[in-house]
Amino acid sequence: MLAVVAGVVAGCGVPVEDSPRAVDVAAPTRAATNAPSAAASGPAAESLYLVRDGSLVAVQRRLPAEPDPQRLLTDLLAGPTEAEQDRGLSTALGGRGVVASVRLLEATAYVELPEGLDGRNDDVLAFGQIVCTLTSRPDILGVLFTRQGVRIGVPLPDASLSQEPLRAADYAALIANG
């Protein structure tokens, strides 16, 4: 019996060759995209706000650890996963260097914007995504947008601009029910 087991195990190995040879391994390919391929799993959750049919839609993703504000924005800027795209979700933030940095100070997230994003009214969904995503954390009560440390006005759903700390309630008109 022992001889049979030894023979079977020896037969499962890689054959020995006299000299090395090149091996052509074709890597699997997929369409180039910045979107994550799948949501991670884990005990912590993050809420991200994506876009469907002109509305903001909350999605939940599982993570190995509670995300800090920078991780939330990094995940948001990466866009929807393939599964989320299959559900019709997209982003108003795609392809833009929208956020330079984020810092949390006394329950307010200060989002520093690079030059070029000017707070136009047609960017209301993009700003709504950022505000709603950040304020989904219980320790963030408002979001201020700055450029070179100076507050800037960002669009609200009523086409006005605000330099005040913003909350998800400010974008309630854009949040899809259910």
C-alpha atoms as a PDB file:
ATOM      1  CA  MET A   1       0.000   0.000   0.000  1.00  0.00           C
ATOM      2  CA  LEU A   2       2.816   2.394   0.907  1.00  0.00           C
ATOM      3  CA  ALA A   3       4.470   1.712  -2.458  1.00  0.00           C
ATOM      4  CA  VAL A   4       1.238   2.617  -4.297  1.00  0.00           C
ATOM      5  CA  VAL A   5       0.869   5.907  -2.415  1.00  0.00           C
ATOM      6  CA  ALA A   6       4.541   6.762  -3.072  1.00  0.00           C
ATOM      7  CA  GLY A   7       4.065   6.052  -6.777  1.00  0.00           C
ATOM      8  CA  VAL A   8       0.952   8.226  -7.011  1.00  0.00           C
ATOM      9  CA  VAL A   9       2.624  11.129  -5.174  1.00  0.00           C
ATOM     10  CA  ALA A  10       5.749  10.899  -7.354  1.00  0.00           C
ATOM     11  CA  GLY A  11       3.570  10.996 -10.468  1.00  0.00           C
ATOM     12  CA  CYS A  12       1.999  14.317  -9.407  1.00  0.00           C
ATOM     13  CA  GLY A  13       5.232  16.290  -9.514  1.00  0.00           C
ATOM     14  CA  VAL A  14       6.660  18.534 -12.204  1.00  0.00           C
ATOM     15  CA  PRO A  15       8.837  16.617 -14.670  1.00  0.00           C
ATOM     16  CA  VAL A  16      12.569  17.300 -14.528  1.00  0.00           C
ATOM     17  CA  GLU A  17      14.220  18.707 -17.676  1.00  0.00           C
ATOM     18  CA  ASP A  18      17.887  18.877 -18.644  1.00  0.00           C
ATOM     19  CA  SER A  19      17.835  22.626 -19.363  1.00  0.00           C
ATOM     20  CA  PRO A  20      15.560  25.564 -18.629  1.00  0.00           C
ATOM     21  CA  ARG A  21      12.967  26.529 -21.224  1.00  0.00           C
ATOM     22  CA  ALA A  22      10.803  29.574 -21.754  1.00  0.00           C
ATOM     23  CA  VAL A  23       7.180  29.229 -20.801  1.00  0.00           C
ATOM     24  CA  ASP A  24       4.578  31.364 -22.571  1.00  0.00           C
ATOM     25  CA  VAL A  25       1.943  32.279 -20.013  1.00  0.00           C
ATOM     26  CA  ALA A  26      -0.883  34.381 -21.368  1.00  0.00           C
ATOM     27  CA  ALA A  27      -2.254  36.607 -18.641  1.00  0.00           C
ATOM     28  CA  PRO A  28      -6.011  36.965 -18.604  1.00  0.00           C
ATOM     29  CA  THR A  29      -7.071  40.245 -20.112  1.00  0.00           C
ATOM     30  CA  ARG A  30     -10.059  42.457 -19.499  1.00  0.00           C
ATOM     31  CA  ALA A  31     -11.144  45.790 -20.792  1.00  0.00           C
ATOM     32  CA  ALA A  32      -9.174  48.687 -19.388  1.00  0.00           C
ATOM     33  CA  THR A  33     -11.141  50.479 -16.703  1.00  0.00           C
ATOM     34  CA  ASN A  34     -10.448  52.477 -13.585  1.00  0.00           C
ATOM     35  CA  ALA A  35     -13.363  50.830 -11.809  1.00  0.00           C
ATOM     36  CA  PRO A  36     -12.639  48.229  -9.168  1.00  0.00           C
ATOM     37  CA  SER A  37     -13.445  44.723 -10.359  1.00  0.00           C
ATOM     38  CA  ALA A  38     -15.306  43.666  -7.245  1.00  0.00           C
ATOM     39  CA  ALA A  39     -16.171  44.921  -3.840  1.00  0.00           C
ATOM     40  CA  ALA A  40     -13.964  43.642  -1.043  1.00  0.00           C
ATOM     41  CA  SER A  41     -15.399  41.712   1.839  1.00  0.00           C
ATOM     42  CA  GLY A  42     -14.943  42.168   5.550  1.00  0.00           C
ATOM     43  CA  PRO A  43     -16.567  43.125   8.828  1.00  0.00           C
ATOM     44  CA  ALA A  44     -16.582  46.915   8.208  1.00  0.00           C
ATOM     45  CA  ALA A  45     -18.887  48.764   5.841  1.00  0.00           C
ATOM     46  CA  GLU A  46     -18.575  51.890   3.780  1.00  0.00           C
ATOM     47  CA  SER A  47     -21.385  53.822   2.153  1.00  0.00           C
ATOM     48  CA  LEU A  48     -20.618  55.374  -1.200  1.00  0.00           C
ATOM     49  CA  TYR A  49     -22.980  57.503  -3.248  1.00  0.00           C
ATOM     50  CA  LEU A  50     -23.047  56.728  -6.950  1.00  0.00           C
ATOM     51  CA  VAL A  51     -25.286  58.022  -9.752  1.00  0.00           C
ATOM     52  CA  ARG A  52     -28.197  56.418 -11.585  1.00  0.00           C
ATOM     53  CA  ASP A  53     -30.579  58.305 -13.880  1.00  0.00           C
ATOM     54  CA  GLY A  54     -29.582  61.707 -12.498  1.00  0.00           C
ATOM     55  CA  SER A  55     -30.008  60.688  -8.846  1.00  0.00           C
ATOM     56  CA  LEU A  56     -27.640  59.807  -6.021  1.00  0.00           C
ATOM     57  CA  VAL A  57     -27.835  56.171  -4.919  1.00  0.00           C
ATOM     58  CA  ALA A  58     -26.229  54.797  -1.736  1.00  0.00           C
ATOM     59  CA  VAL A  59     -24.296  51.544  -2.093  1.00  0.00           C
ATOM     60  CA  GLN A  60     -22.732  49.509   0.672  1.00  0.00           C
ATOM     61  CA  ARG A  61     -19.356  47.822   0.333  1.00  0.00           C
ATOM     62  CA  ARG A  62     -17.680  45.547   2.848  1.00  0.00           C
ATOM     63  CA  LEU A  63     -14.084  46.224   3.892  1.00  0.00           C
ATOM     64  CA  PRO A  64     -11.539  44.556   6.156  1.00  0.00           C
ATOM     65  CA  ALA A  65     -11.362  47.717   8.332  1.00  0.00           C
ATOM     66  CA  GLU A  66     -13.347  50.904   8.929  1.00  0.00           C
ATOM     67  CA  PRO A  67     -12.402  53.388   6.168  1.00  0.00           C
ATOM     68  CA  ASP A  68     -10.974  56.787   7.030  1.00  0.00           C
ATOM     69  CA  PRO A  69     -12.160  59.838   5.043  1.00  0.00           C
ATOM     70  CA  GLN A  70      -9.295  59.558   2.535  1.00  0.00           C
ATOM     71  CA  ARG A  71     -10.094  55.884   1.862  1.00  0.00           C
ATOM     72  CA  LEU A  72     -13.776  56.774   1.356  1.00  0.00           C
ATOM     73  CA  LEU A  73     -12.865  59.351  -1.260  1.00  0.00           C
ATOM     74  CA  THR A  74     -10.324  57.063  -2.915  1.00  0.00           C
ATOM     75  CA  ASP A  75     -12.966  54.339  -3.236  1.00  0.00           C
ATOM     76  CA  LEU A  76     -15.558  56.841  -4.447  1.00  0.00           C
ATOM     77  CA  LEU A  77     -13.204  58.257  -7.084  1.00  0.00           C
ATOM     78  CA  ALA A  78     -12.380  54.726  -8.303  1.00  0.00           C
ATOM     79  CA  GLY A  79     -15.975  54.517  -9.489  1.00  0.00           C
ATOM     80  CA  PRO A  80     -18.506  51.709  -9.439  1.00  0.00           C
ATOM     81  CA  THR A  81     -17.507  48.063  -9.494  1.00  0.00           C
ATOM     82  CA  GLU A  82     -18.448  45.971 -12.519  1.00  0.00           C
ATOM     83  CA  ALA A  83     -21.426  44.577 -10.571  1.00  0.00           C
ATOM     84  CA  GLU A  84     -22.539  48.117  -9.692  1.00  0.00           C
ATOM     85  CA  GLN A  85     -22.167  49.160 -13.336  1.00  0.00           C
ATOM     86  CA  ASP A  86     -24.333  46.172 -14.301  1.00  0.00           C
ATOM     87  CA  ARG A  87     -27.006  47.647 -11.972  1.00  0.00           C
ATOM     88  CA  GLY A  88     -26.901  50.909 -13.935  1.00  0.00           C
ATOM     89  CA  LEU A  89     -24.705  52.851 -11.499  1.00  0.00           C
ATOM     90  CA  SER A  90     -22.091  55.341 -12.653  1.00  0.00           C
ATOM     91  CA  THR A  91     -20.271  58.370 -11.301  1.00  0.00           C
ATOM     92  CA  ALA A  92     -20.213  62.091 -11.989  1.00  0.00           C
ATOM     93  CA  LEU A  93     -16.596  62.137 -10.781  1.00  0.00           C
ATOM     94  CA  GLY A  94     -15.058  59.964 -13.490  1.00  0.00           C
ATOM     95  CA  GLY A  95     -11.777  60.833 -15.107  1.00  0.00           C
ATOM     96  CA  ARG A  96     -11.112  63.976 -13.089  1.00  0.00           C
ATOM     97  CA  GLY A  97      -8.557  64.782 -10.435  1.00  0.00           C
ATOM     98  CA  VAL A  98     -11.363  66.060  -8.262  1.00  0.00           C
ATOM     99  CA  VAL A  99      -9.881  65.936  -4.772  1.00  0.00           C
ATOM    100  CA  ALA A 100      -6.396  66.990  -3.753  1.00  0.00           C
ATOM    101  CA  SER A 101      -6.812  66.015  -0.082  1.00  0.00           C
ATOM    102  CA  VAL A 102      -9.248  65.657   2.780  1.00  0.00           C
ATOM    103  CA  ARG A 103      -8.733  66.341   6.473  1.00  0.00           C
ATOM    104  CA  LEU A 104     -11.078  66.025   9.406  1.00  0.00           C
ATOM    105  CA  LEU A 105     -11.223  68.821  11.973  1.00  0.00           C
ATOM    106  CA  GLU A 106     -13.874  68.933  14.705  1.00  0.00           C
ATOM    107  CA  ALA A 107     -16.470  66.834  12.826  1.00  0.00           C
ATOM    108  CA  THR A 108     -16.019  68.771   9.573  1.00  0.00           C
ATOM    109  CA  ALA A 109     -14.278  67.292   6.543  1.00  0.00           C
ATOM    110  CA  TYR A 110     -12.221  69.870   4.662  1.00  0.00           C
ATOM    111  CA  VAL A 111     -11.934  68.787   1.025  1.00  0.00           C
ATOM    112  CA  GLU A 112      -9.165  70.579  -0.839  1.00  0.00           C
ATOM    113  CA  LEU A 113      -9.866  70.855  -4.559  1.00  0.00           C
ATOM    114  CA  PRO A 114      -7.190  71.263  -7.200  1.00  0.00           C
ATOM    115  CA  GLU A 115      -7.238  74.082  -9.722  1.00  0.00           C
ATOM    116  CA  GLY A 116      -9.674  73.495 -12.565  1.00  0.00           C
ATOM    117  CA  LEU A 117     -12.756  72.242 -10.721  1.00  0.00           C
ATOM    118  CA  ASP A 118     -14.685  75.448 -10.359  1.00  0.00           C
ATOM    119  CA  GLY A 119     -17.970  74.576  -8.657  1.00  0.00           C
ATOM    120  CA  ARG A 120     -20.159  74.962 -11.738  1.00  0.00           C
ATOM    121  CA  ASN A 121     -23.841  74.166 -11.305  1.00  0.00           C
ATOM    122  CA  ASP A 122     -23.602  71.194 -13.677  1.00  0.00           C
ATOM    123  CA  ASP A 123     -21.269  69.533 -11.161  1.00  0.00           C
ATOM    124  CA  VAL A 124     -23.992  69.278  -8.504  1.00  0.00           C
ATOM    125  CA  LEU A 125     -24.074  65.452  -8.682  1.00  0.00           C
ATOM    126  CA  ALA A 126     -20.292  65.260  -8.258  1.00  0.00           C
ATOM    127  CA  PHE A 127     -20.337  67.464  -5.161  1.00  0.00           C
ATOM    128  CA  GLY A 128     -23.393  65.589  -3.882  1.00  0.00           C
ATOM    129  CA  GLN A 129     -21.528  62.295  -4.208  1.00  0.00           C
ATOM    130  CA  ILE A 130     -18.637  63.622  -2.126  1.00  0.00           C
ATOM    131  CA  VAL A 131     -20.803  65.254   0.559  1.00  0.00           C
ATOM    132  CA  CYS A 132     -23.170  62.304   0.964  1.00  0.00           C
ATOM    133  CA  THR A 133     -20.329  59.776   1.006  1.00  0.00           C
ATOM    134  CA  LEU A 134     -18.292  61.642   3.629  1.00  0.00           C
ATOM    135  CA  THR A 135     -21.263  62.458   5.870  1.00  0.00           C
ATOM    136  CA  SER A 136     -22.263  58.782   5.854  1.00  0.00           C
ATOM    137  CA  ARG A 137     -19.602  58.477   8.567  1.00  0.00           C
ATOM    138  CA  PRO A 138     -21.106  59.266  11.982  1.00  0.00           C
ATOM    139  CA  ASP A 139     -18.094  61.415  12.942  1.00  0.00           C
ATOM    140  CA  ILE A 140     -18.463  63.766   9.942  1.00  0.00           C
ATOM    141  CA  LEU A 141     -21.259  66.281  10.380  1.00  0.00           C
ATOM    142  CA  GLY A 142     -20.379  68.591   7.489  1.00  0.00           C
ATOM    143  CA  VAL A 143     -18.140  69.045   4.460  1.00  0.00           C
ATOM    144  CA  LEU A 144     -16.374  72.253   3.425  1.00  0.00           C
ATOM    145  CA  PHE A 145     -14.676  72.638   0.068  1.00  0.00           C
ATOM    146  CA  THR A 146     -11.511  74.712  -0.230  1.00  0.00           C
ATOM    147  CA  ARG A 147      -8.955  75.688  -2.826  1.00  0.00           C
ATOM    148  CA  GLN A 148      -5.549  76.728  -1.512  1.00  0.00           C
ATOM    149  CA  GLY A 149      -7.130  76.729   1.953  1.00  0.00           C
ATOM    150  CA  VAL A 150      -9.886  79.232   1.037  1.00  0.00           C
ATOM    151  CA  ARG A 151     -13.557  78.227   1.085  1.00  0.00           C
ATOM    152  CA  ILE A 152     -15.204  78.013  -2.310  1.00  0.00           C
ATOM    153  CA  GLY A 153     -18.853  77.943  -3.256  1.00  0.00           C
ATOM    154  CA  VAL A 154     -20.179  74.623  -4.482  1.00  0.00           C
ATOM    155  CA  PRO A 155     -23.493  73.932  -6.202  1.00  0.00           C
ATOM    156  CA  LEU A 156     -26.652  72.788  -4.471  1.00  0.00           C
ATOM    157  CA  PRO A 157     -29.663  71.173  -6.186  1.00  0.00           C
ATOM    158  CA  ASP A 158     -31.507  74.519  -6.285  1.00  0.00           C
ATOM    159  CA  ALA A 159     -28.668  75.969  -8.441  1.00  0.00           C
ATOM    160  CA  SER A 160     -27.366  78.173  -5.616  1.00  0.00           C
ATOM    161  CA  LEU A 161     -23.769  78.053  -4.385  1.00  0.00           C
ATOM    162  CA  SER A 162     -22.805  77.490  -0.769  1.00  0.00           C
ATOM    163  CA  GLN A 163     -19.575  78.081   1.133  1.00  0.00           C
ATOM    164  CA  GLU A 164     -21.041  76.664   4.348  1.00  0.00           C
ATOM    165  CA  PRO A 165     -20.491  73.148   5.708  1.00  0.00           C
ATOM    166  CA  LEU A 166     -22.706  70.817   3.672  1.00  0.00           C
ATOM    167  CA  ARG A 167     -24.601  67.701   4.756  1.00  0.00           C
ATOM    168  CA  ALA A 168     -26.442  64.937   2.928  1.00  0.00           C
ATOM    169  CA  ALA A 169     -29.688  66.780   3.725  1.00  0.00           C
ATOM    170  CA  ASP A 170     -28.516  69.592   1.432  1.00  0.00           C
ATOM    171  CA  TYR A 171     -28.644  67.091  -1.461  1.00  0.00           C
ATOM    172  CA  ALA A 172     -31.821  65.265  -0.345  1.00  0.00           C
ATOM    173  CA  ALA A 173     -33.631  66.321  -3.528  1.00  0.00           C
ATOM    174  CA  LEU A 174     -31.090  64.263  -5.517  1.00  0.00           C
ATOM    175  CA  ILE A 175     -31.068  61.122  -3.346  1.00  0.00           C
ATOM    176  CA  ALA A 176     -33.045  58.253  -4.836  1.00  0.00           C
ATOM    177  CA  ASN A 177     -35.595  56.626  -2.546  1.00  0.00           C
ATOM    178  CA  GLY A 178     -35.096  52.909  -2.088  1.00  0.00           C
END
